[in-house]
PDB file of N, CA and C in Angstrom:
ATOM      1  N   UNK A   1     -23.513 -19.076   6.728  1.00  0.00           N
ATOM      2  CA  UNK A   1     -22.204 -19.532   6.294  1.00  0.00           C
ATOM      3  C   UNK A   1     -21.240 -19.362   7.469  1.00  0.00           C
ATOM      4  N   UNK A   2     -20.750 -20.488   7.985  1.00  0.00           N
ATOM      5  CA  UNK A   2     -19.874 -20.442   9.152  1.00  0.00           C
ATOM      6  C   UNK A   2     -18.568 -21.193   8.938  1.00  0.00           C
ATOM      7  N   UNK A   3     -18.462 -21.935   7.863  1.00  0.00           N
ATOM      8  CA  UNK A   3     -17.272 -22.723   7.587  1.00  0.00           C
ATOM      9  C   UNK A   3     -16.216 -21.841   6.922  1.00  0.00           C
ATOM     10  N   UNK A   4     -14.994 -21.919   7.406  1.00  0.00           N
ATOM     11  CA  UNK A   4     -13.920 -21.063   6.894  1.00  0.00           C
ATOM     12  C   UNK A   4     -13.701 -21.251   5.391  1.00  0.00           C
ATOM     13  N   UNK A   5     -13.721 -22.487   4.934  1.00  0.00           N
ATOM     14  CA  UNK A   5     -13.520 -22.759   3.511  1.00  0.00           C
ATOM     15  C   UNK A   5     -14.618 -22.109   2.679  1.00  0.00           C
ATOM     16  N   UNK A   6     -15.844 -22.187   3.158  1.00  0.00           N
ATOM     17  CA  UNK A   6     -16.961 -21.538   2.459  1.00  0.00           C
ATOM     18  C   UNK A   6     -16.763 -20.029   2.383  1.00  0.00           C
ATOM     19  N   UNK A   7     -16.290 -19.451   3.484  1.00  0.00           N
ATOM     20  CA  UNK A   7     -16.083 -18.003   3.526  1.00  0.00           C
ATOM     21  C   UNK A   7     -14.953 -17.603   2.576  1.00  0.00           C
ATOM     22  N   UNK A   8     -13.852 -18.352   2.591  1.00  0.00           N
ATOM     23  CA  UNK A   8     -12.741 -18.077   1.669  1.00  0.00           C
ATOM     24  C   UNK A   8     -13.247 -18.131   0.227  1.00  0.00           C
ATOM     25  N   UNK A   9     -13.995 -19.166  -0.101  1.00  0.00           N
ATOM     26  CA  UNK A   9     -14.508 -19.310  -1.467  1.00  0.00           C
ATOM     27  C   UNK A   9     -15.482 -18.191  -1.819  1.00  0.00           C
ATOM     28  N   UNK A  10     -16.299 -17.786  -0.861  1.00  0.00           N
ATOM     29  CA  UNK A  10     -17.229 -16.690  -1.104  1.00  0.00           C
ATOM     30  C   UNK A  10     -16.456 -15.395  -1.393  1.00  0.00           C
ATOM     31  N   UNK A  11     -15.435 -15.121  -0.599  1.00  0.00           N
ATOM     32  CA  UNK A  11     -14.621 -13.913  -0.796  1.00  0.00           C
ATOM     33  C   UNK A  11     -13.947 -13.963  -2.171  1.00  0.00           C
ATOM     34  N   UNK A  12     -13.367 -15.098  -2.515  1.00  0.00           N
ATOM     35  CA  UNK A  12     -12.722 -15.242  -3.827  1.00  0.00           C
ATOM     36  C   UNK A  12     -13.718 -14.986  -4.950  1.00  0.00           C
ATOM     37  N   UNK A  13     -14.896 -15.609  -4.852  1.00  0.00           N
ATOM     38  CA  UNK A  13     -15.924 -15.447  -5.881  1.00  0.00           C
ATOM     39  C   UNK A  13     -16.394 -13.992  -5.967  1.00  0.00           C
ATOM     40  N   UNK A  14     -16.626 -13.375  -4.823  1.00  0.00           N
ATOM     41  CA  UNK A  14     -17.131 -12.003  -4.815  1.00  0.00           C
ATOM     42  C   UNK A  14     -16.094 -11.024  -5.367  1.00  0.00           C
ATOM     43  N   UNK A  15     -14.841 -11.169  -4.929  1.00  0.00           N
ATOM     44  CA  UNK A  15     -13.795 -10.267  -5.427  1.00  0.00           C
ATOM     45  C   UNK A  15     -13.581 -10.452  -6.925  1.00  0.00           C
ATOM     46  N   UNK A  16     -13.633 -11.688  -7.392  1.00  0.00           N
ATOM     47  CA  UNK A  16     -13.488 -11.931  -8.827  1.00  0.00           C
ATOM     48  C   UNK A  16     -14.579 -11.197  -9.596  1.00  0.00           C
ATOM     49  N   UNK A  17     -15.794 -11.242  -9.058  1.00  0.00           N
ATOM     50  CA  UNK A  17     -16.926 -10.606  -9.723  1.00  0.00           C
ATOM     51  C   UNK A  17     -16.781  -9.083  -9.742  1.00  0.00           C
ATOM     52  N   UNK A  18     -16.492  -8.477  -8.592  1.00  0.00           N
ATOM     53  CA  UNK A  18     -16.479  -7.002  -8.551  1.00  0.00           C
ATOM     54  C   UNK A  18     -15.219  -6.398  -9.157  1.00  0.00           C
ATOM     55  N   UNK A  19     -14.136  -7.186  -9.188  1.00  0.00           N
ATOM     56  CA  UNK A  19     -12.878  -6.655  -9.721  1.00  0.00           C
ATOM     57  C   UNK A  19     -12.586  -7.142 -11.141  1.00  0.00           C
ATOM     58  N   UNK A  20     -13.443  -8.017 -11.672  1.00  0.00           N
ATOM     59  CA  UNK A  20     -13.250  -8.515 -13.029  1.00  0.00           C
ATOM     60  C   UNK A  20     -12.037  -9.411 -13.171  1.00  0.00           C
ATOM     61  N   UNK A  21     -11.813 -10.265 -12.179  1.00  0.00           N
ATOM     62  CA  UNK A  21     -10.660 -11.169 -12.185  1.00  0.00           C
ATOM     63  C   UNK A  21     -11.127 -12.613 -12.288  1.00  0.00           C
ATOM     64  N   UNK A  22     -10.203 -13.494 -12.644  1.00  0.00           N
ATOM     65  CA  UNK A  22     -10.496 -14.920 -12.641  1.00  0.00           C
ATOM     66  C   UNK A  22     -10.433 -15.425 -11.209  1.00  0.00           C
ATOM     67  N   UNK A  23     -11.466 -16.127 -10.780  1.00  0.00           N
ATOM     68  CA  UNK A  23     -11.495 -16.637  -9.410  1.00  0.00           C
ATOM     69  C   UNK A  23     -10.298 -17.534  -9.120  1.00  0.00           C
ATOM     70  N   UNK A  24      -9.857 -18.296 -10.118  1.00  0.00           N
ATOM     71  CA  UNK A  24      -8.715 -19.197  -9.945  1.00  0.00           C
ATOM     72  C   UNK A  24      -7.423 -18.448  -9.634  1.00  0.00           C
ATOM     73  N   UNK A  25      -7.368 -17.165  -9.982  1.00  0.00           N
ATOM     74  CA  UNK A  25      -6.150 -16.388  -9.720  1.00  0.00           C
ATOM     75  C   UNK A  25      -6.077 -15.898  -8.280  1.00  0.00           C
ATOM     76  N   UNK A  26      -7.158 -16.080  -7.532  1.00  0.00           N
ATOM     77  CA  UNK A  26      -7.207 -15.612  -6.149  1.00  0.00           C
ATOM     78  C   UNK A  26      -7.054 -16.787  -5.196  1.00  0.00           C
ATOM     79  N   UNK A  27      -6.101 -16.657  -4.266  1.00  0.00           N
ATOM     80  CA  UNK A  27      -5.864 -17.701  -3.271  1.00  0.00           C
ATOM     81  C   UNK A  27      -5.990 -17.090  -1.878  1.00  0.00           C
ATOM     82  N   UNK A  28      -5.898 -17.937  -0.867  1.00  0.00           N
ATOM     83  CA  UNK A  28      -5.927 -17.441   0.512  1.00  0.00           C
ATOM     84  C   UNK A  28      -4.792 -16.460   0.781  1.00  0.00           C
ATOM     85  N   UNK A  29      -3.686 -16.630   0.073  1.00  0.00           N
ATOM     86  CA  UNK A  29      -2.510 -15.795   0.304  1.00  0.00           C
ATOM     87  C   UNK A  29      -2.538 -14.492  -0.501  1.00  0.00           C
ATOM     88  N   UNK A  30      -3.505 -14.350  -1.393  1.00  0.00           N
ATOM     89  CA  UNK A  30      -3.604 -13.127  -2.188  1.00  0.00           C
ATOM     90  C   UNK A  30      -3.835 -11.941  -1.264  1.00  0.00           C
ATOM     91  N   UNK A  31      -2.987 -10.930  -1.382  1.00  0.00           N
ATOM     92  CA  UNK A  31      -3.185  -9.735  -0.561  1.00  0.00           C
ATOM     93  C   UNK A  31      -4.209  -8.823  -1.217  1.00  0.00           C
ATOM     94  N   UNK A  32      -5.027  -8.223  -0.387  1.00  0.00           N
ATOM     95  CA  UNK A  32      -6.034  -7.308  -0.908  1.00  0.00           C
ATOM     96  C   UNK A  32      -5.362  -6.081  -1.508  1.00  0.00           C
ATOM     97  N   UNK A  33      -4.223  -5.688  -0.961  1.00  0.00           N
ATOM     98  CA  UNK A  33      -3.486  -4.546  -1.514  1.00  0.00           C
ATOM     99  C   UNK A  33      -3.027  -4.831  -2.944  1.00  0.00           C
ATOM    100  N   UNK A  34      -2.652  -6.081  -3.227  1.00  0.00           N
ATOM    101  CA  UNK A  34      -2.189  -6.429  -4.572  1.00  0.00           C
ATOM    102  C   UNK A  34      -3.316  -6.349  -5.601  1.00  0.00           C
ATOM    103  N   UNK A  35      -4.558  -6.319  -5.120  1.00  0.00           N
ATOM    104  CA  UNK A  35      -5.710  -6.240  -6.013  1.00  0.00           C
ATOM    105  C   UNK A  35      -6.109  -4.794  -6.293  1.00  0.00           C
ATOM    106  N   UNK A  36      -5.333  -3.863  -5.721  1.00  0.00           N
ATOM    107  CA  UNK A  36      -5.614  -2.428  -5.901  1.00  0.00           C
ATOM    108  C   UNK A  36      -7.041  -2.069  -5.509  1.00  0.00           C
ATOM    109  N   UNK A  37      -7.482  -2.638  -4.394  1.00  0.00           N
ATOM    110  CA  UNK A  37      -8.843  -2.372  -3.939  1.00  0.00           C
ATOM    111  C   UNK A  37      -8.973  -0.938  -3.457  1.00  0.00           C
ATOM    112  N   UNK A  38     -10.071  -0.336  -3.812  1.00  0.00           N
ATOM    113  CA  UNK A  38     -10.395   1.007  -3.368  1.00  0.00           C
ATOM    114  C   UNK A  38     -11.338   0.900  -2.167  1.00  0.00           C
ATOM    115  N   UNK A  39     -11.554   2.005  -1.488  1.00  0.00           N
ATOM    116  CA  UNK A  39     -12.444   2.010  -0.325  1.00  0.00           C
ATOM    117  C   UNK A  39     -13.819   1.447  -0.661  1.00  0.00           C
ATOM    118  N   UNK A  40     -14.317   1.804  -1.822  1.00  0.00           N
ATOM    119  CA  UNK A  40     -15.645   1.316  -2.216  1.00  0.00           C
ATOM    120  C   UNK A  40     -15.654  -0.203  -2.342  1.00  0.00           C
ATOM    121  N   UNK A  41     -14.546  -0.802  -2.784  1.00  0.00           N
ATOM    122  CA  UNK A  41     -14.470  -2.259  -2.893  1.00  0.00           C
ATOM    123  C   UNK A  41     -14.492  -2.919  -1.521  1.00  0.00           C
ATOM    124  N   UNK A  42     -13.773  -2.325  -0.555  1.00  0.00           N
ATOM    125  CA  UNK A  42     -13.817  -2.842   0.820  1.00  0.00           C
ATOM    126  C   UNK A  42     -15.234  -2.744   1.369  1.00  0.00           C
ATOM    127  N   UNK A  43     -15.894  -1.623   1.101  1.00  0.00           N
ATOM    128  CA  UNK A  43     -17.261  -1.420   1.568  1.00  0.00           C
ATOM    129  C   UNK A  43     -18.204  -2.448   0.949  1.00  0.00           C
ATOM    130  N   UNK A  44     -18.057  -2.687  -0.342  1.00  0.00           N
ATOM    131  CA  UNK A  44     -18.883  -3.690  -1.022  1.00  0.00           C
ATOM    132  C   UNK A  44     -18.650  -5.072  -0.419  1.00  0.00           C
ATOM    133  N   UNK A  45     -17.390  -5.395  -0.171  1.00  0.00           N
ATOM    134  CA  UNK A  45     -17.057  -6.716   0.366  1.00  0.00           C
ATOM    135  C   UNK A  45     -17.595  -6.887   1.778  1.00  0.00           C
ATOM    136  N   UNK A  46     -17.422  -5.892   2.639  1.00  0.00           N
ATOM    137  CA  UNK A  46     -17.924  -6.029   4.012  1.00  0.00           C
ATOM    138  C   UNK A  46     -19.449  -6.145   4.021  1.00  0.00           C
ATOM    139  N   UNK A  47     -20.122  -5.386   3.177  1.00  0.00           N
ATOM    140  CA  UNK A  47     -21.582  -5.471   3.103  1.00  0.00           C
ATOM    141  C   UNK A  47     -22.013  -6.855   2.616  1.00  0.00           C
ATOM    142  N   UNK A  48     -21.336  -7.378   1.612  1.00  0.00           N
ATOM    143  CA  UNK A  48     -21.659  -8.711   1.092  1.00  0.00           C
ATOM    144  C   UNK A  48     -21.424  -9.781   2.160  1.00  0.00           C
ATOM    145  N   UNK A  49     -20.331  -9.644   2.914  1.00  0.00           N
ATOM    146  CA  UNK A  49     -20.046 -10.616   3.981  1.00  0.00           C
ATOM    147  C   UNK A  49     -21.090 -10.528   5.093  1.00  0.00           C
ATOM    148  N   UNK A  50     -21.522  -9.321   5.396  1.00  0.00           N
ATOM    149  CA  UNK A  50     -22.575  -9.160   6.408  1.00  0.00           C
ATOM    150  C   UNK A  50     -23.838  -9.896   5.978  1.00  0.00           C
ATOM    151  N   UNK A  51     -24.218  -9.730   4.719  1.00  0.00           N
ATOM    152  CA  UNK A  51     -25.416 -10.387   4.204  1.00  0.00           C
ATOM    153  C   UNK A  51     -25.252 -11.904   4.161  1.00  0.00           C
ATOM    154  N   UNK A  52     -24.104 -12.366   3.696  1.00  0.00           N
ATOM    155  CA  UNK A  52     -23.872 -13.807   3.534  1.00  0.00           C
ATOM    156  C   UNK A  52     -23.719 -14.532   4.865  1.00  0.00           C
ATOM    157  N   UNK A  53     -23.102 -13.860   5.843  1.00  0.00           N
ATOM    158  CA  UNK A  53     -22.777 -14.524   7.105  1.00  0.00           C
ATOM    159  C   UNK A  53     -23.669 -14.092   8.261  1.00  0.00           C
ATOM    160  N   UNK A  54     -24.544 -13.132   8.017  1.00  0.00           N
ATOM    161  CA  UNK A  54     -25.456 -12.632   9.043  1.00  0.00           C
ATOM    162  C   UNK A  54     -24.697 -12.176  10.301  1.00  0.00           C
ATOM    163  N   UNK A  55     -23.681 -11.334  10.053  1.00  0.00           N
ATOM    164  CA  UNK A  55     -22.877 -10.791  11.137  1.00  0.00           C
ATOM    165  C   UNK A  55     -22.439  -9.385  10.737  1.00  0.00           C
ATOM    166  N   UNK A  56     -22.315  -8.496  11.723  1.00  0.00           N
ATOM    167  CA  UNK A  56     -21.835  -7.146  11.425  1.00  0.00           C
ATOM    168  C   UNK A  56     -20.318  -7.185  11.236  1.00  0.00           C
ATOM    169  N   UNK A  57     -19.854  -6.620  10.126  1.00  0.00           N
ATOM    170  CA  UNK A  57     -18.421  -6.592   9.814  1.00  0.00           C
ATOM    171  C   UNK A  57     -17.983  -5.127   9.805  1.00  0.00           C
ATOM    172  N   UNK A  58     -17.356  -4.671  10.908  1.00  0.00           N
ATOM    173  CA  UNK A  58     -16.923  -3.275  10.973  1.00  0.00           C
ATOM    174  C   UNK A  58     -15.880  -2.962   9.889  1.00  0.00           C
ATOM    175  N   UNK A  59     -16.210  -1.997   9.062  1.00  0.00           N
ATOM    176  CA  UNK A  59     -15.406  -1.655   7.890  1.00  0.00           C
ATOM    177  C   UNK A  59     -13.947  -1.361   8.229  1.00  0.00           C
ATOM    178  N   UNK A  60     -13.703  -0.424   9.144  1.00  0.00           N
ATOM    179  CA  UNK A  60     -12.316  -0.004   9.444  1.00  0.00           C
ATOM    180  C   UNK A  60     -11.501  -1.137  10.055  1.00  0.00           C
ATOM    181  N   UNK A  61     -12.102  -1.877  10.952  1.00  0.00           N
ATOM    182  CA  UNK A  61     -11.380  -2.992  11.575  1.00  0.00           C
ATOM    183  C   UNK A  61     -11.110  -4.085  10.539  1.00  0.00           C
ATOM    184  N   UNK A  62     -12.061  -4.336   9.672  1.00  0.00           N
ATOM    185  CA  UNK A  62     -11.859  -5.312   8.598  1.00  0.00           C
ATOM    186  C   UNK A  62     -10.685  -4.894   7.733  1.00  0.00           C
ATOM    187  N   UNK A  63     -10.644  -3.624   7.377  1.00  0.00           N
ATOM    188  CA  UNK A  63      -9.572  -3.125   6.511  1.00  0.00           C
ATOM    189  C   UNK A  63      -8.204  -3.282   7.187  1.00  0.00           C
ATOM    190  N   UNK A  64      -8.153  -3.118   8.517  1.00  0.00           N
ATOM    191  CA  UNK A  64      -6.889  -3.278   9.253  1.00  0.00           C
ATOM    192  C   UNK A  64      -6.487  -4.750   9.372  1.00  0.00           C
ATOM    193  N   UNK A  65      -7.461  -5.612   9.619  1.00  0.00           N
ATOM    194  CA  UNK A  65      -7.181  -7.021   9.910  1.00  0.00           C
ATOM    195  C   UNK A  65      -6.987  -7.878   8.654  1.00  0.00           C
ATOM    196  N   UNK A  66      -7.690  -7.527   7.593  1.00  0.00           N
ATOM    197  CA  UNK A  66      -7.783  -8.404   6.424  1.00  0.00           C
ATOM    198  C   UNK A  66      -6.758  -8.033   5.370  1.00  0.00           C
ATOM    199  N   UNK A  67      -5.510  -8.422   5.587  1.00  0.00           N
ATOM    200  CA  UNK A  67      -4.491  -8.109   4.584  1.00  0.00           C
ATOM    201  C   UNK A  67      -4.461  -9.141   3.459  1.00  0.00           C
ATOM    202  N   UNK A  68      -4.983 -10.334   3.726  1.00  0.00           N
ATOM    203  CA  UNK A  68      -5.082 -11.371   2.689  1.00  0.00           C
ATOM    204  C   UNK A  68      -6.512 -11.919   2.687  1.00  0.00           C
ATOM    205  N   UNK A  69      -6.828 -12.690   1.669  1.00  0.00           N
ATOM    206  CA  UNK A  69      -8.151 -13.318   1.622  1.00  0.00           C
ATOM    207  C   UNK A  69      -8.329 -14.265   2.806  1.00  0.00           C
ATOM    208  N   UNK A  70      -7.292 -15.014   3.131  1.00  0.00           N
ATOM    209  CA  UNK A  70      -7.351 -15.920   4.284  1.00  0.00           C
ATOM    210  C   UNK A  70      -7.552 -15.176   5.591  1.00  0.00           C
ATOM    211  N   UNK A  71      -6.856 -14.057   5.752  1.00  0.00           N
ATOM    212  CA  UNK A  71      -7.009 -13.247   6.967  1.00  0.00           C
ATOM    213  C   UNK A  71      -8.404 -12.646   7.036  1.00  0.00           C
ATOM    214  N   UNK A  72      -8.966 -12.291   5.898  1.00  0.00           N
ATOM    215  CA  UNK A  72     -10.329 -11.764   5.862  1.00  0.00           C
ATOM    216  C   UNK A  72     -11.310 -12.825   6.361  1.00  0.00           C
ATOM    217  N   UNK A  73     -11.132 -14.052   5.899  1.00  0.00           N
ATOM    218  CA  UNK A  73     -11.992 -15.148   6.352  1.00  0.00           C
ATOM    219  C   UNK A  73     -11.818 -15.398   7.844  1.00  0.00           C
ATOM    220  N   UNK A  74     -10.577 -15.364   8.316  1.00  0.00           N
ATOM    221  CA  UNK A  74     -10.310 -15.566   9.746  1.00  0.00           C
ATOM    222  C   UNK A  74     -10.990 -14.491  10.585  1.00  0.00           C
ATOM    223  N   UNK A  75     -10.953 -13.250  10.105  1.00  0.00           N
ATOM    224  CA  UNK A  75     -11.594 -12.155  10.838  1.00  0.00           C
ATOM    225  C   UNK A  75     -13.105 -12.374  10.919  1.00  0.00           C
ATOM    226  N   UNK A  76     -13.711 -12.786   9.823  1.00  0.00           N
ATOM    227  CA  UNK A  76     -15.150 -13.043   9.834  1.00  0.00           C
ATOM    228  C   UNK A  76     -15.469 -14.181  10.799  1.00  0.00           C
ATOM    229  N   UNK A  77     -14.646 -15.207  10.820  1.00  0.00           N
ATOM    230  CA  UNK A  77     -14.851 -16.325  11.756  1.00  0.00           C
ATOM    231  C   UNK A  77     -14.812 -15.825  13.198  1.00  0.00           C
ATOM    232  N   UNK A  78     -13.871 -14.930  13.530  1.00  0.00           N
ATOM    233  CA  UNK A  78     -13.810 -14.408  14.906  1.00  0.00           C
ATOM    234  C   UNK A  78     -15.079 -13.637  15.238  1.00  0.00           C
ATOM    235  N   UNK A  79     -15.635 -12.925  14.263  1.00  0.00           N
ATOM    236  CA  UNK A  79     -16.886 -12.195  14.503  1.00  0.00           C
ATOM    237  C   UNK A  79     -18.042 -13.158  14.722  1.00  0.00           C
ATOM    238  N   UNK A  80     -18.051 -14.235  13.977  1.00  0.00           N
ATOM    239  CA  UNK A  80     -19.119 -15.226  14.119  1.00  0.00           C
ATOM    240  C   UNK A  80     -19.052 -15.939  15.476  1.00  0.00           C
ATOM    241  N   UNK A  81     -17.834 -16.094  15.982  1.00  0.00           N
ATOM    242  CA  UNK A  81     -17.642 -16.804  17.249  1.00  0.00           C
ATOM    243  C   UNK A  81     -17.860 -15.927  18.469  1.00  0.00           C
ATOM    244  N   UNK A  82     -17.900 -14.615  18.260  1.00  0.00           N
ATOM    245  CA  UNK A  82     -18.038 -13.667  19.390  1.00  0.00           C
ATOM    246  C   UNK A  82     -19.429 -13.723  19.992  1.00  0.00           C
TER     247      UNK A  82
END
């Protein structure tokens, strides 16, 4: 998975599943802080992204960079391009 739109949709789908939310309620502008994500949720998301995108996603850097779903996708894209 290398397309930004695919990654955004994957993040939306995954967060909806683990947080029990409607996927339609999540947009690129949704902040991860507004979802009350705990450390374990960030860990689950980074692990899922690693598996889906076949790239290492450093947990702490992801947490710093990914303030929104769109920013999370952008960060993964930069890792894929490195």
